[in-house]
Amino acid sequence: MGKVNLLVKYCLINGNFEYNIKGIFSNNQIKYFDGTSKVVLNLETKILEKDNTEAKVTFNFSENECLYLDKETNKELKIPIEVLQLESNFKRFMVKYKNLDNIFEIVVKII
């Protein structure tokens, strides 16, 4: 298990966010805290999980789906996504995907 410096970029509906944080790289997974959620990114399976007090969101970019679990009601919602671009290697994970005519991008890079 090794500590790594990360550059994280989110391009979402409500704006673009970019910040440098520390994370942990272990067993082909990058784990970090983005300020509101614990994030686990599996570089092998291309699954990103964001977990906070209200919900757990699991993006499976290999299967083109997003699973949203509301922790208060324990209800799940499966949302289809369309992966437009995907790059995953030891140093960089980048995905551009589409949902309901909106395009989103996530980049996690070890620096």
PDB file of N, CA and C in Angstrom:
ATOM      1  N   MET A   1       0.855  -1.171   0.000  1.00  0.00           N
ATOM      2  CA  MET A   1       0.000   0.000   0.000  1.00  0.00           C
ATOM      3  C   MET A   1       0.900   1.232   0.000  1.00  0.00           C
ATOM      4  N   GLY A   2       0.670   2.161  -0.954  1.00  0.00           N
ATOM      5  CA  GLY A   2       1.498   3.343  -1.033  1.00  0.00           C
ATOM      6  C   GLY A   2       0.679   4.606  -1.147  1.00  0.00           C
ATOM      7  N   LYS A   3       1.174   5.649  -0.488  1.00  0.00           N
ATOM      8  CA  LYS A   3       0.520   6.949  -0.607  1.00  0.00           C
ATOM      9  C   LYS A   3       0.932   7.570  -1.933  1.00  0.00           C
ATOM     10  N   VAL A   4      -0.020   8.230  -2.579  1.00  0.00           N
ATOM     11  CA  VAL A   4       0.230   8.873  -3.856  1.00  0.00           C
ATOM     12  C   VAL A   4      -0.381  10.270  -3.857  1.00  0.00           C
ATOM     13  N   ASN A   5       0.204  11.143  -4.647  1.00  0.00           N
ATOM     14  CA  ASN A   5      -0.374  12.457  -4.895  1.00  0.00           C
ATOM     15  C   ASN A   5      -1.243  12.347  -6.135  1.00  0.00           C
ATOM     16  N   LEU A   6      -2.435  12.914  -6.068  1.00  0.00           N
ATOM     17  CA  LEU A   6      -3.400  12.798  -7.159  1.00  0.00           C
ATOM     18  C   LEU A   6      -3.829  14.164  -7.662  1.00  0.00           C
ATOM     19  N   LEU A   7      -4.048  14.241  -8.951  1.00  0.00           N
ATOM     20  CA  LEU A   7      -4.734  15.362  -9.568  1.00  0.00           C
ATOM     21  C   LEU A   7      -6.097  14.828  -9.973  1.00  0.00           C
ATOM     22  N   VAL A   8      -7.154  15.409  -9.430  1.00  0.00           N
ATOM     23  CA  VAL A   8      -8.516  14.949  -9.702  1.00  0.00           C
ATOM     24  C   VAL A   8      -9.273  16.074 -10.397  1.00  0.00           C
ATOM     25  N   LYS A   9      -9.921  15.727 -11.519  1.00  0.00           N
ATOM     26  CA  LYS A   9     -10.732  16.690 -12.263  1.00  0.00           C
ATOM     27  C   LYS A   9     -12.121  16.108 -12.475  1.00  0.00           C
ATOM     28  N   TYR A  10     -13.123  16.923 -12.190  1.00  0.00           N
ATOM     29  CA  TYR A  10     -14.507  16.558 -12.480  1.00  0.00           C
ATOM     30  C   TYR A  10     -15.078  17.640 -13.392  1.00  0.00           C
ATOM     31  N   CYS A  11     -15.664  17.251 -14.496  1.00  0.00           N
ATOM     32  CA  CYS A  11     -16.414  18.169 -15.356  1.00  0.00           C
ATOM     33  C   CYS A  11     -17.859  17.709 -15.288  1.00  0.00           C
ATOM     34  N   LEU A  12     -18.654  18.434 -14.507  1.00  0.00           N
ATOM     35  CA  LEU A  12     -20.031  18.047 -14.227  1.00  0.00           C
ATOM     36  C   LEU A  12     -20.977  19.171 -14.634  1.00  0.00           C
ATOM     37  N   ILE A  13     -22.266  18.943 -14.462  1.00  0.00           N
ATOM     38  CA  ILE A  13     -23.269  19.942 -14.825  1.00  0.00           C
ATOM     39  C   ILE A  13     -23.056  21.237 -14.043  1.00  0.00           C
ATOM     40  N   ASN A  14     -22.758  21.106 -12.758  1.00  0.00           N
ATOM     41  CA  ASN A  14     -22.659  22.291 -11.904  1.00  0.00           C
ATOM     42  C   ASN A  14     -21.262  22.906 -11.894  1.00  0.00           C
ATOM     43  N   GLY A  15     -20.401  22.512 -12.819  1.00  0.00           N
ATOM     44  CA  GLY A  15     -19.109  23.176 -12.939  1.00  0.00           C
ATOM     45  C   GLY A  15     -17.947  22.215 -13.076  1.00  0.00           C
ATOM     46  N   ASN A  16     -16.781  22.813 -13.256  1.00  0.00           N
ATOM     47  CA  ASN A  16     -15.540  22.056 -13.350  1.00  0.00           C
ATOM     48  C   ASN A  16     -14.780  22.204 -12.037  1.00  0.00           C
ATOM     49  N   PHE A  17     -14.274  21.093 -11.541  1.00  0.00           N
ATOM     50  CA  PHE A  17     -13.519  21.097 -10.305  1.00  0.00           C
ATOM     51  C   PHE A  17     -12.177  20.417 -10.556  1.00  0.00           C
ATOM     52  N   GLU A  18     -11.129  20.991 -10.014  1.00  0.00           N
ATOM     53  CA  GLU A  18      -9.808  20.401 -10.147  1.00  0.00           C
ATOM     54  C   GLU A  18      -9.056  20.646  -8.848  1.00  0.00           C
ATOM     55  N   TYR A  19      -8.459  19.591  -8.303  1.00  0.00           N
ATOM     56  CA  TYR A  19      -7.707  19.763  -7.070  1.00  0.00           C
ATOM     57  C   TYR A  19      -6.659  18.667  -6.932  1.00  0.00           C
ATOM     58  N   ASN A  20      -5.655  18.962  -6.118  1.00  0.00           N
ATOM     59  CA  ASN A  20      -4.608  18.006  -5.777  1.00  0.00           C
ATOM     60  C   ASN A  20      -4.885  17.468  -4.384  1.00  0.00           C
ATOM     61  N   ILE A  21      -4.852  16.159  -4.247  1.00  0.00           N
ATOM     62  CA  ILE A  21      -5.089  15.525  -2.948  1.00  0.00           C
ATOM     63  C   ILE A  21      -4.158  14.332  -2.798  1.00  0.00           C
ATOM     64  N   LYS A  22      -4.138  13.777  -1.618  1.00  0.00           N
ATOM     65  CA  LYS A  22      -3.377  12.560  -1.363  1.00  0.00           C
ATOM     66  C   LYS A  22      -4.338  11.380  -1.378  1.00  0.00           C
ATOM     67  N   GLY A  23      -3.847  10.257  -1.870  1.00  0.00           N
ATOM     68  CA  GLY A  23      -4.647   9.048  -1.915  1.00  0.00           C
ATOM     69  C   GLY A  23      -3.784   7.849  -1.599  1.00  0.00           C
ATOM     70  N   ILE A  24      -4.365   6.691  -1.692  1.00  0.00           N
ATOM     71  CA  ILE A  24      -3.666   5.429  -1.442  1.00  0.00           C
ATOM     72  C   ILE A  24      -3.831   4.560  -2.681  1.00  0.00           C
ATOM     73  N   PHE A  25      -2.715   4.008  -3.147  1.00  0.00           N
ATOM     74  CA  PHE A  25      -2.746   3.085  -4.270  1.00  0.00           C
ATOM     75  C   PHE A  25      -2.392   1.704  -3.748  1.00  0.00           C
ATOM     76  N   SER A  26      -3.293   0.736  -3.957  1.00  0.00           N
ATOM     77  CA  SER A  26      -3.086  -0.625  -3.480  1.00  0.00           C
ATOM     78  C   SER A  26      -3.945  -1.575  -4.291  1.00  0.00           C
ATOM     79  N   ASN A  27      -3.378  -2.706  -4.684  1.00  0.00           N
ATOM     80  CA  ASN A  27      -4.119  -3.756  -5.403  1.00  0.00           C
ATOM     81  C   ASN A  27      -4.898  -3.214  -6.595  1.00  0.00           C
ATOM     82  N   ASN A  28      -4.247  -2.383  -7.385  1.00  0.00           N
ATOM     83  CA  ASN A  28      -4.847  -1.811  -8.587  1.00  0.00           C
ATOM     84  C   ASN A  28      -6.049  -0.912  -8.288  1.00  0.00           C
ATOM     85  N   GLN A  29      -6.104  -0.365  -7.067  1.00  0.00           N
ATOM     86  CA  GLN A  29      -7.166   0.558  -6.677  1.00  0.00           C
ATOM     87  C   GLN A  29      -6.564   1.845  -6.149  1.00  0.00           C
ATOM     88  N   ILE A  30      -7.229   2.949  -6.461  1.00  0.00           N
ATOM     89  CA  ILE A  30      -6.879   4.243  -5.897  1.00  0.00           C
ATOM     90  C   ILE A  30      -8.010   4.636  -4.962  1.00  0.00           C
ATOM     91  N   LYS A  31      -7.650   4.978  -3.720  1.00  0.00           N
ATOM     92  CA  LYS A  31      -8.644   5.384  -2.724  1.00  0.00           C
ATOM     93  C   LYS A  31      -8.303   6.798  -2.267  1.00  0.00           C
ATOM     94  N   TYR A  32      -9.348   7.648  -2.196  1.00  0.00           N
ATOM     95  CA  TYR A  32      -9.140   9.012  -1.732  1.00  0.00           C
ATOM     96  C   TYR A  32     -10.453   9.578  -1.194  1.00  0.00           C
ATOM     97  N   PHE A  33     -10.349  10.702  -0.522  1.00  0.00           N
ATOM     98  CA  PHE A  33     -11.505  11.415   0.013  1.00  0.00           C
ATOM     99  C   PHE A  33     -11.594  12.737  -0.730  1.00  0.00           C
ATOM    100  N   ASP A  34     -12.709  13.004  -1.403  1.00  0.00           N
ATOM    101  CA  ASP A  34     -12.822  14.215  -2.222  1.00  0.00           C
ATOM    102  C   ASP A  34     -13.474  15.394  -1.506  1.00  0.00           C
ATOM    103  N   GLY A  35     -13.561  15.329  -0.200  1.00  0.00           N
ATOM    104  CA  GLY A  35     -14.156  16.419   0.573  1.00  0.00           C
ATOM    105  C   GLY A  35     -15.546  16.090   1.075  1.00  0.00           C
ATOM    106  N   THR A  36     -16.310  15.327   0.286  1.00  0.00           N
ATOM    107  CA  THR A  36     -17.655  14.934   0.712  1.00  0.00           C
ATOM    108  C   THR A  36     -17.854  13.423   0.661  1.00  0.00           C
ATOM    109  N   SER A  37     -17.034  12.729  -0.108  1.00  0.00           N
ATOM    110  CA  SER A  37     -17.228  11.296  -0.315  1.00  0.00           C
ATOM    111  C   SER A  37     -15.913  10.532  -0.255  1.00  0.00           C
ATOM    112  N   LYS A  38     -16.019   9.287   0.214  1.00  0.00           N
ATOM    113  CA  LYS A  38     -14.915   8.351   0.055  1.00  0.00           C
ATOM    114  C   LYS A  38     -15.018   7.818  -1.365  1.00  0.00           C
ATOM    115  N   VAL A  39     -13.909   7.793  -2.074  1.00  0.00           N
ATOM    116  CA  VAL A  39     -13.909   7.342  -3.461  1.00  0.00           C
ATOM    117  C   VAL A  39     -12.943   6.173  -3.601  1.00  0.00           C
ATOM    118  N   VAL A  40     -13.402   5.112  -4.263  1.00  0.00           N
ATOM    119  CA  VAL A  40     -12.565   3.967  -4.590  1.00  0.00           C
ATOM    120  C   VAL A  40     -12.653   3.773  -6.095  1.00  0.00           C
ATOM    121  N   LEU A  41     -11.507   3.814  -6.750  1.00  0.00           N
ATOM    122  CA  LEU A  41     -11.430   3.643  -8.195  1.00  0.00           C
ATOM    123  C   LEU A  41     -10.628   2.385  -8.484  1.00  0.00           C
ATOM    124  N   ASN A  42     -11.283   1.389  -9.060  1.00  0.00           N
ATOM    125  CA  ASN A  42     -10.613   0.148  -9.429  1.00  0.00           C
ATOM    126  C   ASN A  42     -10.171   0.284 -10.877  1.00  0.00           C
ATOM    127  N   LEU A  43      -8.863   0.335 -11.089  1.00  0.00           N
ATOM    128  CA  LEU A  43      -8.327   0.538 -12.430  1.00  0.00           C
ATOM    129  C   LEU A  43      -8.495  -0.683 -13.314  1.00  0.00           C
ATOM    130  N   GLU A  44      -8.579  -1.861 -12.718  1.00  0.00           N
ATOM    131  CA  GLU A  44      -8.725  -3.089 -13.493  1.00  0.00           C
ATOM    132  C   GLU A  44     -10.158  -3.286 -13.980  1.00  0.00           C
ATOM    133  N   THR A  45     -11.132  -3.152 -13.083  1.00  0.00           N
ATOM    134  CA  THR A  45     -12.533  -3.387 -13.442  1.00  0.00           C
ATOM    135  C   THR A  45     -13.218  -2.135 -13.988  1.00  0.00           C
ATOM    136  N   LYS A  46     -12.554  -0.975 -13.848  1.00  0.00           N
ATOM    137  CA  LYS A  46     -13.096   0.314 -14.306  1.00  0.00           C
ATOM    138  C   LYS A  46     -14.401   0.661 -13.602  1.00  0.00           C
ATOM    139  N   ILE A  47     -14.377   0.438 -12.283  1.00  0.00           N
ATOM    140  CA  ILE A  47     -15.519   0.767 -11.425  1.00  0.00           C
ATOM    141  C   ILE A  47     -15.099   1.869 -10.457  1.00  0.00           C
ATOM    142  N   LEU A  48     -15.910   2.921 -10.370  1.00  0.00           N
ATOM    143  CA  LEU A  48     -15.676   4.019  -9.449  1.00  0.00           C
ATOM    144  C   LEU A  48     -16.841   4.074  -8.472  1.00  0.00           C
ATOM    145  N   GLU A  49     -16.541   4.035  -7.176  1.00  0.00           N
ATOM    146  CA  GLU A  49     -17.570   4.110  -6.133  1.00  0.00           C
ATOM    147  C   GLU A  49     -17.374   5.374  -5.322  1.00  0.00           C
ATOM    148  N   LYS A  50     -18.454   6.143  -5.167  1.00  0.00           N
ATOM    149  CA  LYS A  50     -18.462   7.327  -4.307  1.00  0.00           C
ATOM    150  C   LYS A  50     -19.459   7.066  -3.187  1.00  0.00           C
ATOM    151  N   ASP A  51     -18.976   7.156  -1.956  1.00  0.00           N
ATOM    152  CA  ASP A  51     -19.795   6.812  -0.796  1.00  0.00           C
ATOM    153  C   ASP A  51     -19.767   7.975   0.189  1.00  0.00           C
ATOM    154  N   ASN A  52     -20.959   8.498   0.511  1.00  0.00           N
ATOM    155  CA  ASN A  52     -21.062   9.533   1.541  1.00  0.00           C
ATOM    156  C   ASN A  52     -22.218   9.196   2.473  1.00  0.00           C
ATOM    157  N   THR A  53     -22.598  10.093   3.338  1.00  0.00           N
ATOM    158  CA  THR A  53     -23.622   9.795   4.335  1.00  0.00           C
ATOM    159  C   THR A  53     -25.006   9.606   3.721  1.00  0.00           C
ATOM    160  N   GLU A  54     -25.266  10.211   2.568  1.00  0.00           N
ATOM    161  CA  GLU A  54     -26.597  10.162   1.962  1.00  0.00           C
ATOM    162  C   GLU A  54     -26.774   9.043   0.937  1.00  0.00           C
ATOM    163  N   ALA A  55     -25.702   8.754   0.178  1.00  0.00           N
ATOM    164  CA  ALA A  55     -25.857   7.802  -0.923  1.00  0.00           C
ATOM    165  C   ALA A  55     -24.537   7.133  -1.266  1.00  0.00           C
ATOM    166  N   LYS A  56     -24.666   6.021  -1.961  1.00  0.00           N
ATOM    167  CA  LYS A  56     -23.511   5.349  -2.540  1.00  0.00           C
ATOM    168  C   LYS A  56     -23.786   5.253  -4.038  1.00  0.00           C
ATOM    169  N   VAL A  57     -22.860   5.776  -4.821  1.00  0.00           N
ATOM    170  CA  VAL A  57     -22.995   5.779  -6.270  1.00  0.00           C
ATOM    171  C   VAL A  57     -21.876   4.933  -6.849  1.00  0.00           C
ATOM    172  N   THR A  58     -22.241   3.943  -7.658  1.00  0.00           N
ATOM    173  CA  THR A  58     -21.272   3.043  -8.269  1.00  0.00           C
ATOM    174  C   THR A  58     -21.373   3.168  -9.777  1.00  0.00           C
ATOM    175  N   PHE A  59     -20.285   3.646 -10.384  1.00  0.00           N
ATOM    176  CA  PHE A  59     -20.197   3.744 -11.835  1.00  0.00           C
ATOM    177  C   PHE A  59     -19.444   2.525 -12.340  1.00  0.00           C
ATOM    178  N   ASN A  60     -20.076   1.715 -13.158  1.00  0.00           N
ATOM    179  CA  ASN A  60     -19.416   0.585 -13.797  1.00  0.00           C
ATOM    180  C   ASN A  60     -19.241   0.969 -15.263  1.00  0.00           C
ATOM    181  N   PHE A  61     -18.069   1.481 -15.586  1.00  0.00           N
ATOM    182  CA  PHE A  61     -17.840   1.989 -16.932  1.00  0.00           C
ATOM    183  C   PHE A  61     -17.678   0.867 -17.945  1.00  0.00           C
ATOM    184  N   SER A  62     -17.357  -0.345 -17.496  1.00  0.00           N
ATOM    185  CA  SER A  62     -17.285  -1.492 -18.407  1.00  0.00           C
ATOM    186  C   SER A  62     -18.668  -1.972 -18.823  1.00  0.00           C
ATOM    187  N   GLU A  63     -19.641  -1.821 -17.935  1.00  0.00           N
ATOM    188  CA  GLU A  63     -21.006  -2.288 -18.189  1.00  0.00           C
ATOM    189  C   GLU A  63     -21.960  -1.157 -18.594  1.00  0.00           C
ATOM    190  N   ASN A  64     -21.460   0.065 -18.696  1.00  0.00           N
ATOM    191  CA  ASN A  64     -22.271   1.224 -19.088  1.00  0.00           C
ATOM    192  C   ASN A  64     -23.469   1.438 -18.172  1.00  0.00           C
ATOM    193  N   GLU A  65     -23.217   1.388 -16.866  1.00  0.00           N
ATOM    194  CA  GLU A  65     -24.320   1.633 -15.940  1.00  0.00           C
ATOM    195  C   GLU A  65     -23.832   2.307 -14.670  1.00  0.00           C
ATOM    196  N   CYS A  66     -24.778   2.961 -14.025  1.00  0.00           N
ATOM    197  CA  CYS A  66     -24.541   3.625 -12.748  1.00  0.00           C
ATOM    198  C   CYS A  66     -25.614   3.136 -11.784  1.00  0.00           C
ATOM    199  N   LEU A  67     -25.199   2.749 -10.610  1.00  0.00           N
ATOM    200  CA  LEU A  67     -26.140   2.295  -9.586  1.00  0.00           C
ATOM    201  C   LEU A  67     -26.130   3.311  -8.447  1.00  0.00           C
ATOM    202  N   TYR A  68     -27.300   3.883  -8.161  1.00  0.00           N
ATOM    203  CA  TYR A  68     -27.454   4.877  -7.099  1.00  0.00           C
ATOM    204  C   TYR A  68     -28.237   4.240  -5.959  1.00  0.00           C
ATOM    205  N   LEU A  69     -27.636   4.202  -4.773  1.00  0.00           N
ATOM    206  CA  LEU A  69     -28.291   3.655  -3.586  1.00  0.00           C
ATOM    207  C   LEU A  69     -28.538   4.779  -2.600  1.00  0.00           C
ATOM    208  N   ASP A  70     -29.808   5.073  -2.336  1.00  0.00           N
ATOM    209  CA  ASP A  70     -30.195   6.068  -1.336  1.00  0.00           C
ATOM    210  C   ASP A  70     -30.125   5.387   0.021  1.00  0.00           C
ATOM    211  N   LYS A  71     -29.264   5.877   0.909  1.00  0.00           N
ATOM    212  CA  LYS A  71     -29.065   5.213   2.206  1.00  0.00           C
ATOM    213  C   LYS A  71     -30.243   5.406   3.156  1.00  0.00           C
ATOM    214  N   GLU A  72     -30.979   6.489   3.013  1.00  0.00           N
ATOM    215  CA  GLU A  72     -32.116   6.732   3.904  1.00  0.00           C
ATOM    216  C   GLU A  72     -33.267   5.764   3.616  1.00  0.00           C
ATOM    217  N   THR A  73     -33.578   5.560   2.345  1.00  0.00           N
ATOM    218  CA  THR A  73     -34.704   4.702   1.976  1.00  0.00           C
ATOM    219  C   THR A  73     -34.269   3.297   1.575  1.00  0.00           C
ATOM    220  N   ASN A  74     -32.959   3.118   1.380  1.00  0.00           N
ATOM    221  CA  ASN A  74     -32.380   1.844   0.934  1.00  0.00           C
ATOM    222  C   ASN A  74     -32.916   1.428  -0.449  1.00  0.00           C
ATOM    223  N   LYS A  75     -33.274   2.417  -1.250  1.00  0.00           N
ATOM    224  CA  LYS A  75     -33.758   2.149  -2.613  1.00  0.00           C
ATOM    225  C   LYS A  75     -32.625   2.335  -3.604  1.00  0.00           C
ATOM    226  N   GLU A  76     -32.621   1.460  -4.622  1.00  0.00           N
ATOM    227  CA  GLU A  76     -31.611   1.506  -5.665  1.00  0.00           C
ATOM    228  C   GLU A  76     -32.222   1.991  -6.970  1.00  0.00           C
ATOM    229  N   LEU A  77     -31.437   2.738  -7.701  1.00  0.00           N
ATOM    230  CA  LEU A  77     -31.841   3.213  -9.013  1.00  0.00           C
ATOM    231  C   LEU A  77     -30.709   2.897  -9.981  1.00  0.00           C
ATOM    232  N   LYS A  78     -31.012   2.153 -11.025  1.00  0.00           N
ATOM    233  CA  LYS A  78     -30.020   1.814 -12.039  1.00  0.00           C
ATOM    234  C   LYS A  78     -30.177   2.791 -13.196  1.00  0.00           C
ATOM    235  N   ILE A  79     -29.083   3.462 -13.533  1.00  0.00           N
ATOM    236  CA  ILE A  79     -29.100   4.502 -14.549  1.00  0.00           C
ATOM    237  C   ILE A  79     -28.153   4.099 -15.679  1.00  0.00           C
ATOM    238  N   PRO A  80     -28.654   4.015 -16.907  1.00  0.00           N
ATOM    239  CA  PRO A  80     -27.750   3.695 -18.015  1.00  0.00           C
ATOM    240  C   PRO A  80     -26.875   4.898 -18.368  1.00  0.00           C
ATOM    241  N   ILE A  81     -25.634   4.626 -18.698  1.00  0.00           N
ATOM    242  CA  ILE A  81     -24.720   5.660 -19.165  1.00  0.00           C
ATOM    243  C   ILE A  81     -24.082   5.172 -20.464  1.00  0.00           C
ATOM    244  N   GLU A  82     -23.614   6.103 -21.258  1.00  0.00           N
ATOM    245  CA  GLU A  82     -22.920   5.762 -22.492  1.00  0.00           C
ATOM    246  C   GLU A  82     -21.478   6.247 -22.363  1.00  0.00           C
ATOM    247  N   VAL A  83     -20.542   5.316 -22.353  1.00  0.00           N
ATOM    248  CA  VAL A  83     -19.128   5.672 -22.245  1.00  0.00           C
ATOM    249  C   VAL A  83     -18.646   6.115 -23.623  1.00  0.00           C
ATOM    250  N   LEU A  84     -18.189   7.355 -23.694  1.00  0.00           N
ATOM    251  CA  LEU A  84     -17.720   7.922 -24.948  1.00  0.00           C
ATOM    252  C   LEU A  84     -16.213   7.737 -25.130  1.00  0.00           C
ATOM    253  N   GLN A  85     -15.487   7.785 -24.011  1.00  0.00           N
ATOM    254  CA  GLN A  85     -14.034   7.645 -24.061  1.00  0.00           C
ATOM    255  C   GLN A  85     -13.569   7.109 -22.716  1.00  0.00           C
ATOM    256  N   LEU A  86     -12.640   6.160 -22.751  1.00  0.00           N
ATOM    257  CA  LEU A  86     -12.163   5.537 -21.517  1.00  0.00           C
ATOM    258  C   LEU A  86     -10.689   5.210 -21.654  1.00  0.00           C
ATOM    259  N   GLU A  87      -9.904   5.656 -20.674  1.00  0.00           N
ATOM    260  CA  GLU A  87      -8.483   5.348 -20.618  1.00  0.00           C
ATOM    261  C   GLU A  87      -8.154   4.964 -19.175  1.00  0.00           C
ATOM    262  N   SER A  88      -7.550   3.816 -19.008  1.00  0.00           N
ATOM    263  CA  SER A  88      -7.233   3.352 -17.660  1.00  0.00           C
ATOM    264  C   SER A  88      -5.876   2.672 -17.672  1.00  0.00           C
ATOM    265  N   ASN A  89      -4.936   3.260 -16.945  1.00  0.00           N
ATOM    266  CA  ASN A  89      -3.637   2.636 -16.745  1.00  0.00           C
ATOM    267  C   ASN A  89      -3.126   3.022 -15.367  1.00  0.00           C
ATOM    268  N   PHE A  90      -1.923   2.604 -15.043  1.00  0.00           N
ATOM    269  CA  PHE A  90      -1.377   2.828 -13.705  1.00  0.00           C
ATOM    270  C   PHE A  90      -1.307   4.304 -13.330  1.00  0.00           C
ATOM    271  N   LYS A  91      -0.996   5.168 -14.267  1.00  0.00           N
ATOM    272  CA  LYS A  91      -0.787   6.587 -13.969  1.00  0.00           C
ATOM    273  C   LYS A  91      -2.008   7.471 -14.157  1.00  0.00           C
ATOM    274  N   ARG A  92      -2.977   7.025 -14.981  1.00  0.00           N
ATOM    275  CA  ARG A  92      -4.074   7.922 -15.330  1.00  0.00           C
ATOM    276  C   ARG A  92      -5.351   7.145 -15.631  1.00  0.00           C
ATOM    277  N   PHE A  93      -6.454   7.671 -15.079  1.00  0.00           N
ATOM    278  CA  PHE A  93      -7.780   7.153 -15.394  1.00  0.00           C
ATOM    279  C   PHE A  93      -8.586   8.330 -15.921  1.00  0.00           C
ATOM    280  N   MET A  94      -9.151   8.177 -17.112  1.00  0.00           N
ATOM    281  CA  MET A  94      -9.970   9.226 -17.693  1.00  0.00           C
ATOM    282  C   MET A  94     -11.185   8.575 -18.331  1.00  0.00           C
ATOM    283  N   VAL A  95     -12.350   9.122 -18.009  1.00  0.00           N
ATOM    284  CA  VAL A  95     -13.575   8.636 -18.632  1.00  0.00           C
ATOM    285  C   VAL A  95     -14.438   9.835 -19.007  1.00  0.00           C
ATOM    286  N   LYS A  96     -15.004   9.760 -20.182  1.00  0.00           N
ATOM    287  CA  LYS A  96     -16.002  10.736 -20.624  1.00  0.00           C
ATOM    288  C   LYS A  96     -17.247   9.918 -20.916  1.00  0.00           C
ATOM    289  N   TYR A  97     -18.358  10.294 -20.281  1.00  0.00           N
ATOM    290  CA  TYR A  97     -19.588   9.526 -20.453  1.00  0.00           C
ATOM    291  C   TYR A  97     -20.783  10.453 -20.593  1.00  0.00           C
ATOM    292  N   LYS A  98     -21.855   9.880 -21.119  1.00  0.00           N
ATOM    293  CA  LYS A  98     -23.063  10.640 -21.410  1.00  0.00           C
ATOM    294  C   LYS A  98     -24.242  10.026 -20.671  1.00  0.00           C
ATOM    295  N   ASN A  99     -25.084  10.898 -20.126  1.00  0.00           N
ATOM    296  CA  ASN A  99     -26.316  10.487 -19.469  1.00  0.00           C
ATOM    297  C   ASN A  99     -27.347  11.571 -19.734  1.00  0.00           C
ATOM    298  N   LEU A 100     -28.477  11.182 -20.306  1.00  0.00           N
ATOM    299  CA  LEU A 100     -29.574  12.119 -20.586  1.00  0.00           C
ATOM    300  C   LEU A 100     -29.091  13.368 -21.327  1.00  0.00           C
ATOM    301  N   ASP A 101     -28.329  13.173 -22.367  1.00  0.00           N
ATOM    302  CA  ASP A 101     -27.822  14.249 -23.224  1.00  0.00           C
ATOM    303  C   ASP A 101     -26.823  15.176 -22.539  1.00  0.00           C
ATOM    304  N   ASN A 102     -26.354  14.835 -21.367  1.00  0.00           N
ATOM    305  CA  ASN A 102     -25.314  15.596 -20.685  1.00  0.00           C
ATOM    306  C   ASN A 102     -24.014  14.803 -20.730  1.00  0.00           C
ATOM    307  N   ILE A 103     -22.906  15.487 -20.988  1.00  0.00           N
ATOM    308  CA  ILE A 103     -21.608  14.827 -21.048  1.00  0.00           C
ATOM    309  C   ILE A 103     -20.810  15.194 -19.805  1.00  0.00           C
ATOM    310  N   PHE A 104     -20.234  14.179 -19.162  1.00  0.00           N
ATOM    311  CA  PHE A 104     -19.456  14.331 -17.943  1.00  0.00           C
ATOM    312  C   PHE A 104     -18.061  13.773 -18.168  1.00  0.00           C
ATOM    313  N   GLU A 105     -17.102  14.261 -17.389  1.00  0.00           N
ATOM    314  CA  GLU A 105     -15.741  13.757 -17.501  1.00  0.00           C
ATOM    315  C   GLU A 105     -15.115  13.676 -16.117  1.00  0.00           C
ATOM    316  N   ILE A 106     -14.401  12.571 -15.890  1.00  0.00           N
ATOM    317  CA  ILE A 106     -13.663  12.385 -14.636  1.00  0.00           C
ATOM    318  C   ILE A 106     -12.238  11.996 -15.007  1.00  0.00           C
ATOM    319  N   VAL A 107     -11.267  12.660 -14.392  1.00  0.00           N
ATOM    320  CA  VAL A 107      -9.857  12.339 -14.593  1.00  0.00           C
ATOM    321  C   VAL A 107      -9.206  12.197 -13.227  1.00  0.00           C
ATOM    322  N   VAL A 108      -8.519  11.086 -13.000  1.00  0.00           N
ATOM    323  CA  VAL A 108      -7.736  10.867 -11.790  1.00  0.00           C
ATOM    324  C   VAL A 108      -6.346  10.500 -12.259  1.00  0.00           C
ATOM    325  N   LYS A 109      -5.375  11.293 -11.864  1.00  0.00           N
ATOM    326  CA  LYS A 109      -4.004  11.130 -12.371  1.00  0.00           C
ATOM    327  C   LYS A 109      -3.037  11.103 -11.191  1.00  0.00           C
ATOM    328  N   ILE A 110      -2.149  10.125 -11.182  1.00  0.00           N
ATOM    329  CA  ILE A 110      -1.096  10.074 -10.170  1.00  0.00           C
ATOM    330  C   ILE A 110       0.008  11.015 -10.611  1.00  0.00           C
ATOM    331  N   ILE A 111       0.357  11.969  -9.731  1.00  0.00           N
ATOM    332  CA  ILE A 111       1.407  12.946 -10.066  1.00  0.00           C
ATOM    333  C   ILE A 111       2.616  12.789  -9.176  1.00  0.00           C
TER     334      ILE A 111
END
